[in-house]
PDB file of N, CA and C in Angstrom:
ATOM      1  N   UNK A   1      12.225  30.451  -2.541  1.00  0.00           N
ATOM      2  CA  UNK A   1      12.486  29.354  -3.501  1.00  0.00           C
ATOM      3  C   UNK A   1      13.958  29.169  -3.583  1.00  0.00           C
ATOM      4  N   UNK A   2      14.533  28.086  -3.286  1.00  0.00           N
ATOM      5  CA  UNK A   2      15.917  27.577  -3.011  1.00  0.00           C
ATOM      6  C   UNK A   2      17.079  28.032  -4.197  1.00  0.00           C
ATOM      7  N   UNK A   3      18.166  28.384  -3.601  1.00  0.00           N
ATOM      8  CA  UNK A   3      19.174  29.046  -4.628  1.00  0.00           C
ATOM      9  C   UNK A   3      20.175  28.019  -5.033  1.00  0.00           C
ATOM     10  N   UNK A   4      20.446  27.103  -4.167  1.00  0.00           N
ATOM     11  CA  UNK A   4      21.445  26.367  -4.364  1.00  0.00           C
ATOM     12  C   UNK A   4      21.017  25.164  -5.314  1.00  0.00           C
ATOM     13  N   UNK A   5      22.044  24.794  -6.142  1.00  0.00           N
ATOM     14  CA  UNK A   5      21.711  23.544  -7.095  1.00  0.00           C
ATOM     15  C   UNK A   5      21.520  22.401  -6.604  1.00  0.00           C
ATOM     16  N   UNK A   6      21.909  22.180  -5.523  1.00  0.00           N
ATOM     17  CA  UNK A   6      21.693  20.873  -4.980  1.00  0.00           C
ATOM     18  C   UNK A   6      20.253  20.841  -4.118  1.00  0.00           C
ATOM     19  N   UNK A   7      19.761  22.070  -3.667  1.00  0.00           N
ATOM     20  CA  UNK A   7      18.550  22.289  -3.040  1.00  0.00           C
ATOM     21  C   UNK A   7      17.611  22.198  -3.991  1.00  0.00           C
ATOM     22  N   UNK A   8      17.824  22.661  -5.210  1.00  0.00           N
ATOM     23  CA  UNK A   8      16.796  22.506  -6.380  1.00  0.00           C
ATOM     24  C   UNK A   8      16.342  21.318  -7.051  1.00  0.00           C
ATOM     25  N   UNK A   9      17.942  20.186  -6.986  1.00  0.00           N
ATOM     26  CA  UNK A   9      17.668  19.103  -7.453  1.00  0.00           C
ATOM     27  C   UNK A   9      16.690  18.214  -6.316  1.00  0.00           C
ATOM     28  N   UNK A  10      16.862  18.659  -5.096  1.00  0.00           N
ATOM     29  CA  UNK A  10      16.309  17.834  -3.940  1.00  0.00           C
ATOM     30  C   UNK A  10      14.652  18.023  -4.088  1.00  0.00           C
ATOM     31  N   UNK A  11      14.342  19.268  -4.469  1.00  0.00           N
ATOM     32  CA  UNK A  11      13.131  19.562  -4.595  1.00  0.00           C
ATOM     33  C   UNK A  11      12.337  18.962  -5.549  1.00  0.00           C
ATOM     34  N   UNK A  12      13.169  18.804  -6.760  1.00  0.00           N
ATOM     35  CA  UNK A  12      12.588  17.929  -7.878  1.00  0.00           C
ATOM     36  C   UNK A  12      12.452  16.271  -7.392  1.00  0.00           C
ATOM     37  N   UNK A  13      13.448  15.871  -6.773  1.00  0.00           N
ATOM     38  CA  UNK A  13      13.488  14.394  -6.397  1.00  0.00           C
ATOM     39  C   UNK A  13      12.567  14.386  -5.481  1.00  0.00           C
ATOM     40  N   UNK A  14      12.136  15.203  -4.445  1.00  0.00           N
ATOM     41  CA  UNK A  14      11.292  14.933  -3.357  1.00  0.00           C
ATOM     42  C   UNK A  14       9.882  14.879  -4.080  1.00  0.00           C
ATOM     43  N   UNK A  15       9.562  15.879  -5.227  1.00  0.00           N
ATOM     44  CA  UNK A  15       8.273  15.810  -5.809  1.00  0.00           C
ATOM     45  C   UNK A  15       8.338  14.257  -6.708  1.00  0.00           C
ATOM     46  N   UNK A  16       9.151  13.958  -7.209  1.00  0.00           N
ATOM     47  CA  UNK A  16       8.944  12.704  -7.964  1.00  0.00           C
ATOM     48  C   UNK A  16       8.629  11.451  -6.986  1.00  0.00           C
ATOM     49  N   UNK A  17       9.476  11.392  -5.732  1.00  0.00           N
ATOM     50  CA  UNK A  17       9.211  10.558  -4.809  1.00  0.00           C
ATOM     51  C   UNK A  17       7.652  10.696  -4.459  1.00  0.00           C
ATOM     52  N   UNK A  18       7.304  11.835  -4.119  1.00  0.00           N
ATOM     53  CA  UNK A  18       6.104  12.076  -3.477  1.00  0.00           C
ATOM     54  C   UNK A  18       4.888  11.371  -4.262  1.00  0.00           C
ATOM     55  N   UNK A  19       4.960  11.660  -5.629  1.00  0.00           N
ATOM     56  CA  UNK A  19       4.073  11.249  -6.581  1.00  0.00           C
ATOM     57  C   UNK A  19       4.294   9.454  -6.599  1.00  0.00           C
ATOM     58  N   UNK A  20       5.474   9.198  -6.640  1.00  0.00           N
ATOM     59  CA  UNK A  20       5.419   7.588  -6.612  1.00  0.00           C
ATOM     60  C   UNK A  20       4.850   7.029  -5.483  1.00  0.00           C
ATOM     61  N   UNK A  21       4.991   7.695  -4.209  1.00  0.00           N
ATOM     62  CA  UNK A  21       4.507   6.889  -2.945  1.00  0.00           C
ATOM     63  C   UNK A  21       3.271   7.317  -2.954  1.00  0.00           C
ATOM     64  N   UNK A  22       2.762   8.465  -3.571  1.00  0.00           N
ATOM     65  CA  UNK A  22       0.950   8.367  -3.343  1.00  0.00           C
ATOM     66  C   UNK A  22       0.510   7.422  -4.448  1.00  0.00           C
ATOM     67  N   UNK A  23       1.118   7.193  -5.314  1.00  0.00           N
ATOM     68  CA  UNK A  23       0.510   6.048  -6.381  1.00  0.00           C
ATOM     69  C   UNK A  23       0.340   4.898  -5.763  1.00  0.00           C
ATOM     70  N   UNK A  24       1.603   4.459  -5.471  1.00  0.00           N
ATOM     71  CA  UNK A  24       1.666   3.242  -4.768  1.00  0.00           C
ATOM     72  C   UNK A  24       0.478   2.832  -3.420  1.00  0.00           C
ATOM     73  N   UNK A  25       0.728   3.950  -2.675  1.00  0.00           N
ATOM     74  CA  UNK A  25      -0.533   3.925  -1.710  1.00  0.00           C
ATOM     75  C   UNK A  25      -2.005   3.861  -2.061  1.00  0.00           C
ATOM     76  N   UNK A  26      -2.244   4.673  -3.037  1.00  0.00           N
ATOM     77  CA  UNK A  26      -3.655   4.525  -3.509  1.00  0.00           C
ATOM     78  C   UNK A  26      -4.015   3.384  -4.418  1.00  0.00           C
ATOM     79  N   UNK A  27      -3.019   2.716  -4.816  1.00  0.00           N
ATOM     80  CA  UNK A  27      -3.222   1.630  -5.838  1.00  0.00           C
ATOM     81  C   UNK A  27      -3.456   0.781  -4.692  1.00  0.00           C
ATOM     82  N   UNK A  28      -2.583   0.590  -3.760  1.00  0.00           N
ATOM     83  CA  UNK A  28      -2.839  -0.422  -2.566  1.00  0.00           C
ATOM     84  C   UNK A  28      -4.140  -0.366  -1.827  1.00  0.00           C
ATOM     85  N   UNK A  29      -4.766   0.754  -1.596  1.00  0.00           N
ATOM     86  CA  UNK A  29      -5.933   0.906  -0.847  1.00  0.00           C
ATOM     87  C   UNK A  29      -6.870   0.737  -1.989  1.00  0.00           C
ATOM     88  N   UNK A  30      -7.062   0.856  -3.450  1.00  0.00           N
ATOM     89  CA  UNK A  30      -7.928   0.305  -4.326  1.00  0.00           C
ATOM     90  C   UNK A  30      -8.077  -1.070  -4.144  1.00  0.00           C
ATOM     91  N   UNK A  31      -6.746  -1.829  -3.864  1.00  0.00           N
ATOM     92  CA  UNK A  31      -6.838  -3.337  -3.863  1.00  0.00           C
ATOM     93  C   UNK A  31      -7.654  -3.847  -2.593  1.00  0.00           C
ATOM     94  N   UNK A  32      -7.301  -3.129  -1.506  1.00  0.00           N
ATOM     95  CA  UNK A  32      -7.961  -3.556  -0.253  1.00  0.00           C
ATOM     96  C   UNK A  32      -9.503  -3.410  -0.379  1.00  0.00           C
ATOM     97  N   UNK A  33      -9.799  -2.383  -1.102  1.00  0.00           N
ATOM     98  CA  UNK A  33     -11.384  -2.266  -1.263  1.00  0.00           C
ATOM     99  C   UNK A  33     -11.793  -3.404  -2.091  1.00  0.00           C
ATOM    100  N   UNK A  34     -10.968  -3.724  -3.208  1.00  0.00           N
ATOM    101  CA  UNK A  34     -11.641  -4.888  -4.129  1.00  0.00           C
ATOM    102  C   UNK A  34     -11.650  -6.264  -3.155  1.00  0.00           C
ATOM    103  N   UNK A  35     -10.652  -6.241  -2.183  1.00  0.00           N
ATOM    104  CA  UNK A  35     -10.691  -7.517  -1.372  1.00  0.00           C
ATOM    105  C   UNK A  35     -11.631  -7.692  -0.618  1.00  0.00           C
ATOM    106  N   UNK A  36     -12.259  -6.563   0.036  1.00  0.00           N
ATOM    107  CA  UNK A  36     -13.282  -6.194   1.236  1.00  0.00           C
ATOM    108  C   UNK A  36     -14.645  -6.505   0.357  1.00  0.00           C
ATOM    109  N   UNK A  37     -14.600  -6.298  -0.797  1.00  0.00           N
ATOM    110  CA  UNK A  37     -15.899  -6.532  -1.843  1.00  0.00           C
ATOM    111  C   UNK A  37     -16.079  -7.810  -1.973  1.00  0.00           C
ATOM    112  N   UNK A  38     -14.960  -8.874  -1.991  1.00  0.00           N
ATOM    113  CA  UNK A  38     -15.247  -9.916  -2.438  1.00  0.00           C
ATOM    114  C   UNK A  38     -16.519 -10.858  -1.873  1.00  0.00           C
ATOM    115  N   UNK A  39     -17.004 -11.447  -2.690  1.00  0.00           N
ATOM    116  CA  UNK A  39     -18.183 -12.386  -2.331  1.00  0.00           C
ATOM    117  C   UNK A  39     -17.955 -13.838  -1.655  1.00  0.00           C
ATOM    118  N   UNK A  40     -16.900 -14.464  -2.412  1.00  0.00           N
ATOM    119  CA  UNK A  40     -16.505 -16.019  -2.332  1.00  0.00           C
ATOM    120  C   UNK A  40     -15.105 -15.985  -2.006  1.00  0.00           C
ATOM    121  N   UNK A  41     -14.844 -16.912  -1.020  1.00  0.00           N
ATOM    122  CA  UNK A  41     -13.698 -17.360  -0.743  1.00  0.00           C
ATOM    123  C   UNK A  41     -12.348 -17.496  -1.543  1.00  0.00           C
ATOM    124  N   UNK A  42     -12.799 -18.040  -2.760  1.00  0.00           N
ATOM    125  CA  UNK A  42     -11.800 -18.413  -3.804  1.00  0.00           C
ATOM    126  C   UNK A  42     -11.194 -16.954  -4.199  1.00  0.00           C
ATOM    127  N   UNK A  43     -12.178 -16.176  -4.744  1.00  0.00           N
ATOM    128  CA  UNK A  43     -11.549 -14.968  -5.076  1.00  0.00           C
ATOM    129  C   UNK A  43     -10.485 -14.212  -3.825  1.00  0.00           C
ATOM    130  N   UNK A  44     -11.306 -14.110  -2.876  1.00  0.00           N
ATOM    131  CA  UNK A  44     -10.564 -13.244  -1.657  1.00  0.00           C
ATOM    132  C   UNK A  44      -9.086 -14.012  -1.415  1.00  0.00           C
ATOM    133  N   UNK A  45      -9.194 -15.261  -1.554  1.00  0.00           N
ATOM    134  CA  UNK A  45      -7.599 -16.039  -1.457  1.00  0.00           C
ATOM    135  C   UNK A  45      -6.598 -15.850  -2.574  1.00  0.00           C
ATOM    136  N   UNK A  46      -7.361 -15.653  -3.641  1.00  0.00           N
ATOM    137  CA  UNK A  46      -6.261 -15.022  -4.985  1.00  0.00           C
ATOM    138  C   UNK A  46      -5.879 -13.689  -4.783  1.00  0.00           C
ATOM    139  N   UNK A  47      -6.561 -13.069  -4.318  1.00  0.00           N
ATOM    140  CA  UNK A  47      -6.345 -11.471  -4.194  1.00  0.00           C
ATOM    141  C   UNK A  47      -5.503 -11.272  -2.810  1.00  0.00           C
ATOM    142  N   UNK A  48      -5.809 -11.889  -1.918  1.00  0.00           N
ATOM    143  CA  UNK A  48      -5.062 -11.614  -0.631  1.00  0.00           C
ATOM    144  C   UNK A  48      -3.216 -11.631  -0.373  1.00  0.00           C
ATOM    145  N   UNK A  49      -2.805 -12.538  -1.215  1.00  0.00           N
ATOM    146  CA  UNK A  49      -1.274 -12.674  -1.209  1.00  0.00           C
ATOM    147  C   UNK A  49      -0.907 -11.194  -1.914  1.00  0.00           C
ATOM    148  N   UNK A  50      -1.578 -10.930  -3.073  1.00  0.00           N
ATOM    149  CA  UNK A  50      -0.979  -9.687  -3.542  1.00  0.00           C
ATOM    150  C   UNK A  50      -1.148  -8.431  -2.650  1.00  0.00           C
ATOM    151  N   UNK A  51      -2.298  -8.418  -2.069  1.00  0.00           N
ATOM    152  CA  UNK A  51      -2.429  -7.193  -1.226  1.00  0.00           C
ATOM    153  C   UNK A  51      -1.467  -7.196  -0.119  1.00  0.00           C
ATOM    154  N   UNK A  52      -1.220  -8.498   0.472  1.00  0.00           N
ATOM    155  CA  UNK A  52      -0.199  -8.678   1.547  1.00  0.00           C
ATOM    156  C   UNK A  52       1.159  -7.951   1.021  1.00  0.00           C
ATOM    157  N   UNK A  53       1.561  -8.533  -0.092  1.00  0.00           N
ATOM    158  CA  UNK A  53       2.744  -8.292  -0.740  1.00  0.00           C
ATOM    159  C   UNK A  53       3.026  -6.518  -0.898  1.00  0.00           C
ATOM    160  N   UNK A  54       1.863  -5.897  -1.268  1.00  0.00           N
ATOM    161  CA  UNK A  54       1.640  -4.464  -1.642  1.00  0.00           C
ATOM    162  C   UNK A  54       1.884  -3.883  -0.238  1.00  0.00           C
ATOM    163  N   UNK A  55       1.362  -4.427   0.684  1.00  0.00           N
ATOM    164  CA  UNK A  55       1.503  -3.617   2.174  1.00  0.00           C
ATOM    165  C   UNK A  55       2.903  -3.540   2.613  1.00  0.00           C
ATOM    166  N   UNK A  56       3.606  -4.990   2.451  1.00  0.00           N
ATOM    167  CA  UNK A  56       4.677  -4.915   2.886  1.00  0.00           C
ATOM    168  C   UNK A  56       5.537  -4.275   2.252  1.00  0.00           C
ATOM    169  N   UNK A  57       5.774  -3.877   0.888  1.00  0.00           N
ATOM    170  CA  UNK A  57       6.157  -3.173   0.218  1.00  0.00           C
ATOM    171  C   UNK A  57       6.313  -1.596   0.663  1.00  0.00           C
ATOM    172  N   UNK A  58       4.754  -1.188   0.914  1.00  0.00           N
ATOM    173  CA  UNK A  58       4.742   0.129   1.655  1.00  0.00           C
ATOM    174  C   UNK A  58       5.441   0.173   2.705  1.00  0.00           C
ATOM    175  N   UNK A  59       5.293  -0.777   3.433  1.00  0.00           N
ATOM    176  CA  UNK A  59       5.938  -0.585   5.049  1.00  0.00           C
ATOM    177  C   UNK A  59       7.320  -0.770   4.851  1.00  0.00           C
ATOM    178  N   UNK A  60       7.955  -1.410   4.150  1.00  0.00           N
ATOM    179  CA  UNK A  60       9.455  -1.550   3.923  1.00  0.00           C
ATOM    180  C   UNK A  60       9.900  -0.150   3.271  1.00  0.00           C
ATOM    181  N   UNK A  61       9.012   0.643   2.745  1.00  0.00           N
ATOM    182  CA  UNK A  61       9.605   1.733   2.051  1.00  0.00           C
ATOM    183  C   UNK A  61       9.235   2.932   2.943  1.00  0.00           C
ATOM    184  N   UNK A  62       8.764   2.905   4.199  1.00  0.00           N
ATOM    185  CA  UNK A  62       8.138   3.799   5.329  1.00  0.00           C
ATOM    186  C   UNK A  62       7.038   4.729   4.574  1.00  0.00           C
ATOM    187  N   UNK A  63       6.429   3.960   3.775  1.00  0.00           N
ATOM    188  CA  UNK A  63       5.309   4.820   3.338  1.00  0.00           C
ATOM    189  C   UNK A  63       4.222   4.919   4.341  1.00  0.00           C
ATOM    190  N   UNK A  64       3.859   3.896   4.536  1.00  0.00           N
ATOM    191  CA  UNK A  64       3.082   3.610   5.725  1.00  0.00           C
ATOM    192  C   UNK A  64       3.699   2.847   7.069  1.00  0.00           C
ATOM    193  N   UNK A  65       3.441   3.219   8.118  1.00  0.00           N
ATOM    194  CA  UNK A  65       3.893   2.436   9.435  1.00  0.00           C
ATOM    195  C   UNK A  65       4.120   0.879   9.230  1.00  0.00           C
ATOM    196  N   UNK A  66       4.903   0.186   9.855  1.00  0.00           N
ATOM    197  CA  UNK A  66       5.067  -1.189   9.880  1.00  0.00           C
ATOM    198  C   UNK A  66       3.666  -1.934  10.622  1.00  0.00           C
ATOM    199  N   UNK A  67       3.405  -1.182  11.577  1.00  0.00           N
ATOM    200  CA  UNK A  67       2.148  -1.828  12.497  1.00  0.00           C
ATOM    201  C   UNK A  67       1.191  -1.523  11.729  1.00  0.00           C
ATOM    202  N   UNK A  68       0.893  -0.421  11.029  1.00  0.00           N
ATOM    203  CA  UNK A  68      -0.361  -0.098  10.025  1.00  0.00           C
ATOM    204  C   UNK A  68      -0.404  -1.344   9.280  1.00  0.00           C
ATOM    205  N   UNK A  69       0.550  -1.768   8.369  1.00  0.00           N
ATOM    206  CA  UNK A  69       0.727  -2.929   7.573  1.00  0.00           C
ATOM    207  C   UNK A  69       0.334  -4.128   8.368  1.00  0.00           C
ATOM    208  N   UNK A  70       0.737  -4.451   9.437  1.00  0.00           N
ATOM    209  CA  UNK A  70       0.715  -5.565  10.086  1.00  0.00           C
ATOM    210  C   UNK A  70      -0.903  -5.920  10.539  1.00  0.00           C
ATOM    211  N   UNK A  71      -1.403  -4.837  11.217  1.00  0.00           N
ATOM    212  CA  UNK A  71      -2.840  -4.547  11.406  1.00  0.00           C
ATOM    213  C   UNK A  71      -3.717  -4.839  10.102  1.00  0.00           C
ATOM    214  N   UNK A  72      -3.459  -4.099   9.181  1.00  0.00           N
ATOM    215  CA  UNK A  72      -4.281  -4.346   7.833  1.00  0.00           C
ATOM    216  C   UNK A  72      -4.072  -5.788   7.522  1.00  0.00           C
ATOM    217  N   UNK A  73      -2.838  -6.525   7.371  1.00  0.00           N
ATOM    218  CA  UNK A  73      -2.813  -7.625   6.944  1.00  0.00           C
ATOM    219  C   UNK A  73      -3.639  -8.638   7.750  1.00  0.00           C
ATOM    220  N   UNK A  74      -3.611  -8.492   9.265  1.00  0.00           N
ATOM    221  CA  UNK A  74      -4.301  -9.313  10.069  1.00  0.00           C
ATOM    222  C   UNK A  74      -5.703  -9.161   9.619  1.00  0.00           C
ATOM    223  N   UNK A  75      -6.225  -8.121   9.798  1.00  0.00           N
ATOM    224  CA  UNK A  75      -7.637  -7.954   9.457  1.00  0.00           C
ATOM    225  C   UNK A  75      -8.120  -8.467   8.245  1.00  0.00           C
ATOM    226  N   UNK A  76      -7.378  -8.251   7.202  1.00  0.00           N
ATOM    227  CA  UNK A  76      -7.933  -8.700   5.723  1.00  0.00           C
ATOM    228  C   UNK A  76      -7.651 -10.364   5.739  1.00  0.00           C
ATOM    229  N   UNK A  77      -6.795 -10.847   6.401  1.00  0.00           N
ATOM    230  CA  UNK A  77      -6.915 -12.449   6.442  1.00  0.00           C
ATOM    231  C   UNK A  77      -7.961 -13.030   7.494  1.00  0.00           C
ATOM    232  N   UNK A  78      -8.205 -12.177   8.368  1.00  0.00           N
ATOM    233  CA  UNK A  78      -9.368 -12.829   9.161  1.00  0.00           C
ATOM    234  C   UNK A  78     -10.679 -12.780   8.292  1.00  0.00           C
ATOM    235  N   UNK A  79     -10.780 -11.384   7.537  1.00  0.00           N
ATOM    236  CA  UNK A  79     -11.780 -11.249   6.743  1.00  0.00           C
ATOM    237  C   UNK A  79     -12.098 -12.584   5.765  1.00  0.00           C
ATOM    238  N   UNK A  80     -10.816 -12.816   5.204  1.00  0.00           N
ATOM    239  CA  UNK A  80     -10.776 -13.656   3.995  1.00  0.00           C
ATOM    240  C   UNK A  80     -11.182 -15.131   4.631  1.00  0.00           C
ATOM    241  N   UNK A  81     -10.707 -15.297   5.671  1.00  0.00           N
ATOM    242  CA  UNK A  81     -10.892 -16.633   6.336  1.00  0.00           C
ATOM    243  C   UNK A  81     -12.515 -17.051   6.975  1.00  0.00           C
ATOM    244  N   UNK A  82     -13.088 -15.657   7.127  1.00  0.00           N
ATOM    245  CA  UNK A  82     -14.759 -15.875   7.441  1.00  0.00           C
ATOM    246  C   UNK A  82     -15.490 -16.124   6.264  1.00  0.00           C
ATOM    247  N   UNK A  83     -14.715 -15.776   4.923  1.00  0.00           N
ATOM    248  CA  UNK A  83     -15.689 -16.012   3.844  1.00  0.00           C
ATOM    249  C   UNK A  83     -16.348 -17.243   3.789  1.00  0.00           C
ATOM    250  N   UNK A  84     -17.536 -17.250   3.026  1.00  0.00           N
ATOM    251  CA  UNK A  84     -17.600 -18.874   2.815  1.00  0.00           C
ATOM    252  C   UNK A  84     -17.948 -19.188   1.338  1.00  0.00           C
TER     253      UNK A  84
END
């Protein structure tokens, strides 16, 4: 266990950030699953901008890599455009 005050504070801050990052990443994965389960194009197009925004936010905060976000956005856009 750390002895310095600053190290103890850093441990607390890291735990808080870790929980927040995990929550945001899990929420985004859930929305991606919802988008992939979309049956019609209209519902897919309504959900796509929200999911893209979430992916961009995760990439900006380095929770996921920027290329992973770009790949996900590309695949999801292709999926929605292929819906009828």
